[in-house]
Amino acid sequence: MNEPRKTGFLRLPEVLKLIPVGRTTFLIGVRSGRYPKSFKISDRLNAWRAQDIYEFIDKHTHTDDVI
């Protein structure tokens, strides 16, 4: 019953629960293109498409790449 939400948007704390890196490391990776980019929801609100995050996880769990 508690299946992860694979549609919609995820905020940074939710993303960091799925991708086990620190906040700063993740944000630097977003800027460099290593991690999926965020979308501006409002002036002060950024979020990531859940689909992008889960595709990233699927892609990197089926290879020997380090997340």
C-alpha atoms as a PDB file:
ATOM      1  CA  MET A   1       0.000   0.000   0.000  1.00  0.00           C
ATOM      2  CA  ASN A   2       2.873   2.394   0.609  1.00  0.00           C
ATOM      3  CA  GLU A   3       4.174   2.334  -2.947  1.00  0.00           C
ATOM      4  CA  PRO A   4       6.414   5.261  -3.884  1.00  0.00           C
ATOM      5  CA  ARG A   5       4.814   8.068  -5.828  1.00  0.00           C
ATOM      6  CA  LYS A   6       6.210   7.877  -9.374  1.00  0.00           C
ATOM      7  CA  THR A   7       4.276  10.778 -10.846  1.00  0.00           C
ATOM      8  CA  GLY A   8       4.058  14.384  -9.834  1.00  0.00           C
ATOM      9  CA  PHE A   9       6.831  16.345  -8.173  1.00  0.00           C
ATOM     10  CA  LEU A  10       9.245  15.671  -5.312  1.00  0.00           C
ATOM     11  CA  ARG A  11      10.805  18.258  -3.025  1.00  0.00           C
ATOM     12  CA  LEU A  12      14.483  18.093  -2.118  1.00  0.00           C
ATOM     13  CA  PRO A  13      14.049  16.201   1.204  1.00  0.00           C
ATOM     14  CA  GLU A  14      12.052  13.511  -0.630  1.00  0.00           C
ATOM     15  CA  VAL A  15      14.681  13.266  -3.380  1.00  0.00           C
ATOM     16  CA  LEU A  16      17.483  12.912  -0.838  1.00  0.00           C
ATOM     17  CA  LYS A  17      15.680   9.969   0.772  1.00  0.00           C
ATOM     18  CA  LEU A  18      15.836   8.201  -2.607  1.00  0.00           C
ATOM     19  CA  ILE A  19      19.334   9.265  -3.683  1.00  0.00           C
ATOM     20  CA  PRO A  20      21.676   8.769  -0.711  1.00  0.00           C
ATOM     21  CA  VAL A  21      23.986  11.769  -1.037  1.00  0.00           C
ATOM     22  CA  GLY A  22      24.284  14.988   0.916  1.00  0.00           C
ATOM     23  CA  ARG A  23      22.292  18.095   0.031  1.00  0.00           C
ATOM     24  CA  THR A  24      25.289  20.074  -1.230  1.00  0.00           C
ATOM     25  CA  THR A  25      26.654  17.130  -3.232  1.00  0.00           C
ATOM     26  CA  PHE A  26      23.277  16.638  -4.852  1.00  0.00           C
ATOM     27  CA  LEU A  27      22.833  20.319  -5.753  1.00  0.00           C
ATOM     28  CA  ILE A  28      26.342  20.503  -7.217  1.00  0.00           C
ATOM     29  CA  GLY A  29      25.511  17.370  -9.225  1.00  0.00           C
ATOM     30  CA  VAL A  30      22.314  18.999 -10.514  1.00  0.00           C
ATOM     31  CA  ARG A  31      24.307  22.024 -11.702  1.00  0.00           C
ATOM     32  CA  SER A  32      26.909  19.818 -13.385  1.00  0.00           C
ATOM     33  CA  GLY A  33      24.278  17.622 -15.079  1.00  0.00           C
ATOM     34  CA  ARG A  34      24.997  14.463 -13.065  1.00  0.00           C
ATOM     35  CA  TYR A  35      21.526  14.482 -11.455  1.00  0.00           C
ATOM     36  CA  PRO A  36      18.168  15.495 -12.968  1.00  0.00           C
ATOM     37  CA  LYS A  37      17.403  19.200 -13.082  1.00  0.00           C
ATOM     38  CA  SER A  38      14.732  20.801 -10.951  1.00  0.00           C
ATOM     39  CA  PHE A  39      11.761  22.860 -12.039  1.00  0.00           C
ATOM     40  CA  LYS A  40      10.775  26.215 -10.615  1.00  0.00           C
ATOM     41  CA  ILE A  41       7.266  25.842  -9.203  1.00  0.00           C
ATOM     42  CA  SER A  42       7.155  29.369  -7.758  1.00  0.00           C
ATOM     43  CA  ASP A  43       9.624  32.094  -6.767  1.00  0.00           C
ATOM     44  CA  ARG A  44      10.829  30.128  -3.754  1.00  0.00           C
ATOM     45  CA  LEU A  45       9.864  26.565  -4.639  1.00  0.00           C
ATOM     46  CA  ASN A  46      11.894  24.080  -6.691  1.00  0.00           C
ATOM     47  CA  ALA A  47      10.874  20.486  -7.280  1.00  0.00           C
ATOM     48  CA  TRP A  48      11.959  17.499  -9.335  1.00  0.00           C
ATOM     49  CA  ARG A  49       9.702  15.418 -11.557  1.00  0.00           C
ATOM     50  CA  ALA A  50       9.260  12.090  -9.769  1.00  0.00           C
ATOM     51  CA  GLN A  51       9.539  10.299 -13.108  1.00  0.00           C
ATOM     52  CA  ASP A  52      12.989  11.849 -13.744  1.00  0.00           C
ATOM     53  CA  ILE A  53      14.252  10.806 -10.316  1.00  0.00           C
ATOM     54  CA  TYR A  54      12.980   7.222 -10.610  1.00  0.00           C
ATOM     55  CA  GLU A  55      14.383   6.887 -14.146  1.00  0.00           C
ATOM     56  CA  PHE A  56      17.751   8.111 -12.854  1.00  0.00           C
ATOM     57  CA  ILE A  57      17.660   5.554 -10.037  1.00  0.00           C
ATOM     58  CA  ASP A  58      16.644   2.733 -12.402  1.00  0.00           C
ATOM     59  CA  LYS A  59      19.392   3.640 -14.854  1.00  0.00           C
ATOM     60  CA  HIS A  60      22.085   3.648 -12.172  1.00  0.00           C
ATOM     61  CA  THR A  61      20.961   0.572 -10.266  1.00  0.00           C
ATOM     62  CA  HIS A  62      21.188  -1.618 -13.377  1.00  0.00           C
ATOM     63  CA  THR A  63      24.818  -0.655 -14.001  1.00  0.00           C
ATOM     64  CA  ASP A  64      27.955  -0.490 -11.917  1.00  0.00           C
ATOM     65  CA  ASP A  65      27.805   3.321 -11.856  1.00  0.00           C
ATOM     66  CA  VAL A  66      28.062   5.001  -8.516  1.00  0.00           C
ATOM     67  CA  ILE A  67      25.123   7.263  -7.741  1.00  0.00           C
END
